[in-house]
Structure formats: C-alpha cells, structure tokens
Amino acid sequence: MVAKIRAILLAILIFSCLNQSSGAEHDNTGFIYVTYLNGLPTNNVYDIATDKNGCVWIGTHTGLSKYDGYNVVNYFKEDMNIRSNIIRYLVCDSKNRIWIGSGNGIGLYDNESGKFLTLDILVGEQLDTKVGGLLDDGSGTIWASFRDGHLVAINQETFRIREYYKDRNTGNYFARIWFEPERNLYLSALFDGGLVYL
C-alpha cells in the first residue's frame, strides 16, 4: 500500500513538473491557458488548427502563433508574405501545410520545409483578398471565400484557382463553408443571405 501511494505521489510530482515547464498557465480544473502572458501576441484568438506534428496553430488579431505544448512562436505579415496580421481562418491540408486566411490575403506554411510559401495570385490585385472562410474538402481542393463575394477552389498541387461564385452586388459573402457526407457543398452567407447550396 505504501509503495502504491509513493508511486502515485511520484507520478503527480513528475506530471506537475512537466506542466510547469510547458510555459502555459493552469488552473485547478485541468485547463491549460495559452495567453499573451506566455507568448501569444494578443488574447484575441479567431481560429485554431492542429497539424500532423501535434502543434496547435492559433490565428489572432495581431499575427499567427504556433504552440508545440511548450513554447509559442509568433509570425507576422512580413514572415507570412501577406498584407495583414489579422488571422481569421486556419486549415491544415493533407500535405501538413497550414493555409492562413487573413484580413488581406492567403498565406501558406509548409511544415516540411519550415517556410512560408508565397501565393502571388492570392495576394495580388485580382481579388479583394479579405478572406471570409477556408475549407479543405479532402479531395485536394482548398475552398476560399472572400468578402467581396467571390468563392474559389484552389488546387493544392498546382495552386490553380477556379472561380465558382461571385456576388458583388448584395454585399454577402460566405462566412462558413462545409461539406455534407455525400460531398455536396453547402455555404452560409451573412447579412440575411440565407443558405446557398452548390
């Protein structure tokens, strides 16, 4: 019995030491808090995604953050080759790349090379690049909506863009994109636009 108690106390001690070394805050409920106090550029978080390495990517009002369970690394628009630090949408694709939807352009981080890739067609003047939503449909396509009413499909291999929808007159844009199990695309529009089905 004494050996069991010692083993339990030792496990609790080791666990608490590991948790203290992670740099994140804890409370008595078991929740871990990652905030500006331990590395985030701000506490205004818009979106999160997890890559295949187990890292959590955090889109904030003032940049992109990567949390590996121990440390927070921050990236800003100059690092990401985009024109805004407002990161509202994040998607991890099948190649373990992070697609970053910002207030002015789409960025792409390649986990294999550890570098941000520049997607000129997405940061150029062709589209109003204020991103309204991102989705990986699981078939090699990233869907992106833009706040000027565009909906595009981006081939993950070639980065070619196919435009599916454009509605600049109503002011609506697709704030959420998702697929039902039969692979039919549903879109929800803001500003009383209802549900649009493709």
C-alpha atoms as a PDB file:
ATOM      1  CA  MET A   1       0.000   0.000   0.000  1.00  0.00           C
ATOM      2  CA  VAL A   2       2.809   2.439   0.909  1.00  0.00           C
ATOM      3  CA  ALA A   3       4.556   1.642  -2.386  1.00  0.00           C
ATOM      4  CA  LYS A   4       1.361   2.440  -4.298  1.00  0.00           C
ATOM      5  CA  ILE A   5       0.973   5.774  -2.535  1.00  0.00           C
ATOM      6  CA  ARG A   6       4.610   6.643  -3.226  1.00  0.00           C
ATOM      7  CA  ALA A   7       4.197   5.729  -6.903  1.00  0.00           C
ATOM      8  CA  ILE A   8       1.071   7.894  -7.180  1.00  0.00           C
ATOM      9  CA  LEU A   9       2.776  10.836  -5.442  1.00  0.00           C
ATOM     10  CA  LEU A  10       5.831  10.458  -7.695  1.00  0.00           C
ATOM     11  CA  ALA A  11       3.609  10.421 -10.807  1.00  0.00           C
ATOM     12  CA  ILE A  12       1.791  13.563  -9.634  1.00  0.00           C
ATOM     13  CA  LEU A  13       5.121  15.295  -8.925  1.00  0.00           C
ATOM     14  CA  ILE A  14       6.530  14.405 -12.366  1.00  0.00           C
ATOM     15  CA  PHE A  15       3.322  15.455 -14.107  1.00  0.00           C
ATOM     16  CA  SER A  16       3.243  18.814 -12.297  1.00  0.00           C
ATOM     17  CA  CYS A  17       6.902  19.451 -13.158  1.00  0.00           C
ATOM     18  CA  LEU A  18       6.260  18.692 -16.819  1.00  0.00           C
ATOM     19  CA  ASN A  19       3.258  21.001 -16.839  1.00  0.00           C
ATOM     20  CA  GLN A  20       5.188  23.814 -15.189  1.00  0.00           C
ATOM     21  CA  SER A  21       7.888  23.577 -17.822  1.00  0.00           C
ATOM     22  CA  SER A  22       5.395  23.983 -20.653  1.00  0.00           C
ATOM     23  CA  GLY A  23       5.132  27.758 -20.197  1.00  0.00           C
ATOM     24  CA  ALA A  24       1.327  27.630 -20.165  1.00  0.00           C
ATOM     25  CA  GLU A  25      -0.925  28.619 -17.286  1.00  0.00           C
ATOM     26  CA  HIS A  26      -3.056  26.020 -15.474  1.00  0.00           C
ATOM     27  CA  ASP A  27      -5.999  26.217 -13.155  1.00  0.00           C
ATOM     28  CA  ASN A  28      -7.489  23.693 -10.742  1.00  0.00           C
ATOM     29  CA  THR A  29      -9.900  22.378 -13.413  1.00  0.00           C
ATOM     30  CA  GLY A  30      -7.106  20.956 -15.571  1.00  0.00           C
ATOM     31  CA  PHE A  31      -7.465  23.533 -18.364  1.00  0.00           C
ATOM     32  CA  ILE A  32      -4.275  24.919 -19.863  1.00  0.00           C
ATOM     33  CA  TYR A  33      -4.236  28.604 -20.796  1.00  0.00           C
ATOM     34  CA  VAL A  34      -2.025  29.941 -23.551  1.00  0.00           C
ATOM     35  CA  THR A  35      -2.207  33.740 -23.435  1.00  0.00           C
ATOM     36  CA  TYR A  36      -0.152  36.850 -24.011  1.00  0.00           C
ATOM     37  CA  LEU A  37       1.407  36.186 -20.593  1.00  0.00           C
ATOM     38  CA  ASN A  38       3.247  33.182 -22.035  1.00  0.00           C
ATOM     39  CA  GLY A  39       3.849  34.218 -25.611  1.00  0.00           C
ATOM     40  CA  LEU A  40       0.747  34.977 -27.704  1.00  0.00           C
ATOM     41  CA  PRO A  41       0.852  38.423 -29.330  1.00  0.00           C
ATOM     42  CA  THR A  42      -2.721  39.046 -28.083  1.00  0.00           C
ATOM     43  CA  ASN A  43      -5.558  37.214 -26.360  1.00  0.00           C
ATOM     44  CA  ASN A  44      -7.905  37.911 -29.306  1.00  0.00           C
ATOM     45  CA  VAL A  45      -7.997  34.453 -30.919  1.00  0.00           C
ATOM     46  CA  TYR A  46     -10.096  33.856 -34.073  1.00  0.00           C
ATOM     47  CA  ASP A  47      -9.262  30.311 -35.177  1.00  0.00           C
ATOM     48  CA  ILE A  48      -7.105  27.278 -34.411  1.00  0.00           C
ATOM     49  CA  ALA A  49      -5.844  24.273 -36.363  1.00  0.00           C
ATOM     50  CA  THR A  50      -3.703  21.291 -35.422  1.00  0.00           C
ATOM     51  CA  ASP A  51      -1.035  19.962 -37.760  1.00  0.00           C
ATOM     52  CA  LYS A  52       0.087  16.342 -38.071  1.00  0.00           C
ATOM     53  CA  ASN A  53       3.060  17.055 -35.798  1.00  0.00           C
ATOM     54  CA  GLY A  54       0.690  17.840 -32.930  1.00  0.00           C
ATOM     55  CA  CYS A  55       1.346  21.584 -32.966  1.00  0.00           C
ATOM     56  CA  VAL A  56      -1.541  23.978 -32.444  1.00  0.00           C
ATOM     57  CA  TRP A  57      -1.685  26.937 -34.843  1.00  0.00           C
ATOM     58  CA  ILE A  58      -3.504  29.979 -33.494  1.00  0.00           C
ATOM     59  CA  GLY A  59      -4.916  32.809 -35.595  1.00  0.00           C
ATOM     60  CA  THR A  60      -5.021  36.053 -33.631  1.00  0.00           C
ATOM     61  CA  HIS A  61      -5.844  39.702 -34.208  1.00  0.00           C
ATOM     62  CA  THR A  62      -2.145  40.566 -34.454  1.00  0.00           C
ATOM     63  CA  GLY A  63      -0.472  37.561 -36.082  1.00  0.00           C
ATOM     64  CA  LEU A  64      -0.134  33.788 -36.313  1.00  0.00           C
ATOM     65  CA  SER A  65       1.157  31.680 -33.427  1.00  0.00           C
ATOM     66  CA  LYS A  66       2.413  28.098 -33.211  1.00  0.00           C
ATOM     67  CA  TYR A  67       2.219  26.285 -29.872  1.00  0.00           C
ATOM     68  CA  ASP A  68       4.063  22.954 -29.538  1.00  0.00           C
ATOM     69  CA  GLY A  69       2.972  22.206 -25.967  1.00  0.00           C
ATOM     70  CA  TYR A  70       5.982  24.007 -24.528  1.00  0.00           C
ATOM     71  CA  ASN A  71       6.702  27.198 -26.461  1.00  0.00           C
ATOM     72  CA  VAL A  72       4.868  29.773 -28.521  1.00  0.00           C
ATOM     73  CA  VAL A  73       6.424  31.046 -31.762  1.00  0.00           C
ATOM     74  CA  ASN A  74       4.818  34.090 -33.401  1.00  0.00           C
ATOM     75  CA  TYR A  75       4.739  35.023 -37.081  1.00  0.00           C
ATOM     76  CA  PHE A  76       3.679  38.330 -38.543  1.00  0.00           C
ATOM     77  CA  LYS A  77       2.649  39.523 -42.001  1.00  0.00           C
ATOM     78  CA  GLU A  78       6.247  40.093 -43.097  1.00  0.00           C
ATOM     79  CA  ASP A  79       7.068  36.470 -42.239  1.00  0.00           C
ATOM     80  CA  MET A  80       3.934  35.119 -43.940  1.00  0.00           C
ATOM     81  CA  ASN A  81       4.187  37.196 -47.142  1.00  0.00           C
ATOM     82  CA  ILE A  82       0.676  38.577 -46.695  1.00  0.00           C
ATOM     83  CA  ARG A  83      -0.587  42.093 -46.059  1.00  0.00           C
ATOM     84  CA  SER A  84      -2.432  41.680 -42.759  1.00  0.00           C
ATOM     85  CA  ASN A  85      -1.753  40.401 -39.261  1.00  0.00           C
ATOM     86  CA  ILE A  86      -5.459  39.680 -38.675  1.00  0.00           C
ATOM     87  CA  ILE A  87      -5.569  35.871 -38.987  1.00  0.00           C
ATOM     88  CA  ARG A  88      -9.194  34.692 -39.000  1.00  0.00           C
ATOM     89  CA  TYR A  89      -9.085  31.251 -40.672  1.00  0.00           C
ATOM     90  CA  LEU A  90      -6.681  28.309 -40.483  1.00  0.00           C
ATOM     91  CA  VAL A  91      -6.743  24.937 -42.269  1.00  0.00           C
ATOM     92  CA  CYS A  92      -4.232  22.068 -42.232  1.00  0.00           C
ATOM     93  CA  ASP A  93      -4.248  20.255 -45.593  1.00  0.00           C
ATOM     94  CA  SER A  94      -3.358  16.657 -46.475  1.00  0.00           C
ATOM     95  CA  LYS A  95       0.290  17.653 -47.056  1.00  0.00           C
ATOM     96  CA  ASN A  96       0.520  19.014 -43.496  1.00  0.00           C
ATOM     97  CA  ARG A  97       0.633  22.615 -44.750  1.00  0.00           C
ATOM     98  CA  ILE A  98      -1.159  25.391 -42.904  1.00  0.00           C
ATOM     99  CA  TRP A  99      -3.404  27.642 -45.015  1.00  0.00           C
ATOM    100  CA  ILE A 100      -3.757  31.055 -43.416  1.00  0.00           C
ATOM    101  CA  GLY A 101      -6.754  33.271 -44.180  1.00  0.00           C
ATOM    102  CA  SER A 102      -6.048  36.867 -43.220  1.00  0.00           C
ATOM    103  CA  GLY A 103      -7.686  40.244 -43.412  1.00  0.00           C
ATOM    104  CA  ASN A 104      -5.827  40.759 -46.693  1.00  0.00           C
ATOM    105  CA  GLY A 105      -4.628  37.611 -48.421  1.00  0.00           C
ATOM    106  CA  ILE A 106      -3.942  33.901 -48.010  1.00  0.00           C
ATOM    107  CA  GLY A 107      -0.651  32.597 -46.684  1.00  0.00           C
ATOM    108  CA  LEU A 108       0.687  29.070 -46.705  1.00  0.00           C
ATOM    109  CA  TYR A 109       3.164  27.478 -44.292  1.00  0.00           C
ATOM    110  CA  ASP A 110       4.945  24.307 -45.400  1.00  0.00           C
ATOM    111  CA  ASN A 111       5.788  22.163 -42.362  1.00  0.00           C
ATOM    112  CA  GLU A 112       8.241  20.044 -44.362  1.00  0.00           C
ATOM    113  CA  SER A 113      10.499  22.949 -45.367  1.00  0.00           C
ATOM    114  CA  GLY A 114       9.650  25.112 -42.349  1.00  0.00           C
ATOM    115  CA  LYS A 115       8.948  28.055 -44.677  1.00  0.00           C
ATOM    116  CA  PHE A 116       6.080  30.238 -45.755  1.00  0.00           C
ATOM    117  CA  LEU A 117       5.199  29.960 -49.438  1.00  0.00           C
ATOM    118  CA  THR A 118       4.095  32.960 -51.476  1.00  0.00           C
ATOM    119  CA  LEU A 119       0.903  32.541 -53.477  1.00  0.00           C
ATOM    120  CA  ASP A 120       1.116  35.575 -55.756  1.00  0.00           C
ATOM    121  CA  ILE A 121      -2.270  35.061 -57.364  1.00  0.00           C
ATOM    122  CA  LEU A 122      -3.926  35.207 -53.955  1.00  0.00           C
ATOM    123  CA  VAL A 123      -2.130  38.299 -52.691  1.00  0.00           C
ATOM    124  CA  GLY A 124      -2.303  40.261 -55.931  1.00  0.00           C
ATOM    125  CA  GLU A 125      -4.946  42.684 -57.084  1.00  0.00           C
ATOM    126  CA  GLN A 126      -7.088  40.111 -58.902  1.00  0.00           C
ATOM    127  CA  LEU A 127      -9.406  39.579 -55.919  1.00  0.00           C
ATOM    128  CA  ASP A 128     -10.462  41.558 -52.901  1.00  0.00           C
ATOM    129  CA  THR A 129      -8.295  39.426 -50.657  1.00  0.00           C
ATOM    130  CA  LYS A 130     -10.148  39.859 -47.361  1.00  0.00           C
ATOM    131  CA  VAL A 131     -10.774  36.192 -46.571  1.00  0.00           C
ATOM    132  CA  GLY A 132     -14.252  35.142 -45.424  1.00  0.00           C
ATOM    133  CA  GLY A 133     -13.702  31.395 -44.962  1.00  0.00           C
ATOM    134  CA  LEU A 134     -11.440  28.399 -45.729  1.00  0.00           C
ATOM    135  CA  LEU A 135     -12.080  24.650 -46.067  1.00  0.00           C
ATOM    136  CA  ASP A 136     -10.068  21.613 -47.143  1.00  0.00           C
ATOM    137  CA  ASP A 137     -12.605  19.294 -48.806  1.00  0.00           C
ATOM    138  CA  GLY A 138     -10.336  16.244 -48.507  1.00  0.00           C
ATOM    139  CA  SER A 139     -10.027  15.753 -52.265  1.00  0.00           C
ATOM    140  CA  GLY A 140      -7.047  18.029 -52.913  1.00  0.00           C
ATOM    141  CA  THR A 141      -9.020  21.276 -53.049  1.00  0.00           C
ATOM    142  CA  ILE A 142      -8.998  24.252 -50.707  1.00  0.00           C
ATOM    143  CA  TRP A 143     -12.159  26.342 -50.879  1.00  0.00           C
ATOM    144  CA  ALA A 144     -11.786  30.028 -50.063  1.00  0.00           C
ATOM    145  CA  SER A 145     -14.414  32.717 -49.815  1.00  0.00           C
ATOM    146  CA  PHE A 146     -13.590  36.386 -49.982  1.00  0.00           C
ATOM    147  CA  ARG A 147     -15.564  39.263 -48.558  1.00  0.00           C
ATOM    148  CA  ASP A 148     -16.141  40.783 -51.987  1.00  0.00           C
ATOM    149  CA  GLY A 149     -18.470  37.852 -52.753  1.00  0.00           C
ATOM    150  CA  HIS A 150     -16.032  35.522 -54.524  1.00  0.00           C
ATOM    151  CA  LEU A 151     -15.883  31.797 -53.878  1.00  0.00           C
ATOM    152  CA  VAL A 152     -12.901  29.971 -55.367  1.00  0.00           C
ATOM    153  CA  ALA A 153     -11.479  26.455 -55.381  1.00  0.00           C
ATOM    154  CA  ILE A 154      -7.684  26.186 -55.164  1.00  0.00           C
ATOM    155  CA  ASN A 155      -5.914  23.054 -56.379  1.00  0.00           C
ATOM    156  CA  GLN A 156      -3.433  22.061 -53.640  1.00  0.00           C
ATOM    157  CA  GLU A 157      -0.910  20.688 -56.150  1.00  0.00           C
ATOM    158  CA  THR A 158      -0.875  23.388 -58.837  1.00  0.00           C
ATOM    159  CA  PHE A 159      -2.394  26.314 -56.877  1.00  0.00           C
ATOM    160  CA  ARG A 160      -4.661  26.994 -59.853  1.00  0.00           C
ATOM    161  CA  ILE A 161      -7.837  28.823 -58.975  1.00  0.00           C
ATOM    162  CA  ARG A 162     -11.305  28.092 -60.285  1.00  0.00           C
ATOM    163  CA  GLU A 163     -13.967  30.669 -59.572  1.00  0.00           C
ATOM    164  CA  TYR A 164     -17.342  29.243 -58.580  1.00  0.00           C
ATOM    165  CA  TYR A 165     -19.372  32.176 -57.429  1.00  0.00           C
ATOM    166  CA  LYS A 166     -19.286  35.947 -57.496  1.00  0.00           C
ATOM    167  CA  ASP A 167     -21.924  38.177 -55.926  1.00  0.00           C
ATOM    168  CA  ARG A 168     -20.536  41.677 -55.538  1.00  0.00           C
ATOM    169  CA  ASN A 169     -23.916  43.419 -55.597  1.00  0.00           C
ATOM    170  CA  THR A 170     -25.514  42.182 -52.370  1.00  0.00           C
ATOM    171  CA  GLY A 171     -22.580  42.583 -50.006  1.00  0.00           C
ATOM    172  CA  ASN A 172     -22.953  38.970 -48.899  1.00  0.00           C
ATOM    173  CA  TYR A 173     -20.011  36.652 -48.510  1.00  0.00           C
ATOM    174  CA  PHE A 174     -19.679  33.069 -47.350  1.00  0.00           C
ATOM    175  CA  ALA A 175     -18.582  33.038 -43.742  1.00  0.00           C
ATOM    176  CA  ARG A 176     -18.751  29.267 -43.395  1.00  0.00           C
ATOM    177  CA  ILE A 177     -18.092  26.561 -45.957  1.00  0.00           C
ATOM    178  CA  TRP A 178     -18.701  22.893 -45.286  1.00  0.00           C
ATOM    179  CA  PHE A 179     -19.481  19.560 -46.907  1.00  0.00           C
ATOM    180  CA  GLU A 180     -22.150  17.053 -46.022  1.00  0.00           C
ATOM    181  CA  PRO A 181     -21.215  13.326 -46.128  1.00  0.00           C
ATOM    182  CA  GLU A 182     -22.257  12.892 -49.773  1.00  0.00           C
ATOM    183  CA  ARG A 183     -19.707  15.588 -50.750  1.00  0.00           C
ATOM    184  CA  ASN A 184     -22.272  18.250 -51.544  1.00  0.00           C
ATOM    185  CA  LEU A 185     -21.031  21.740 -50.808  1.00  0.00           C
ATOM    186  CA  TYR A 186     -23.109  23.970 -48.552  1.00  0.00           C
ATOM    187  CA  LEU A 187     -22.404  27.628 -47.958  1.00  0.00           C
ATOM    188  CA  SER A 188     -23.864  30.007 -45.442  1.00  0.00           C
ATOM    189  CA  ALA A 189     -23.976  33.702 -46.302  1.00  0.00           C
ATOM    190  CA  LEU A 190     -24.094  36.581 -43.856  1.00  0.00           C
ATOM    191  CA  PHE A 191     -26.361  39.628 -43.925  1.00  0.00           C
ATOM    192  CA  ASP A 192     -29.656  37.743 -44.367  1.00  0.00           C
ATOM    193  CA  GLY A 193     -28.328  35.918 -47.412  1.00  0.00           C
ATOM    194  CA  GLY A 194     -29.712  32.580 -46.269  1.00  0.00           C
ATOM    195  CA  LEU A 195     -28.211  29.217 -47.142  1.00  0.00           C
ATOM    196  CA  VAL A 196     -26.694  28.671 -50.577  1.00  0.00           C
ATOM    197  CA  TYR A 197     -26.237  25.112 -51.805  1.00  0.00           C
ATOM    198  CA  LEU A 198     -23.810  24.152 -54.568  1.00  0.00           C
END
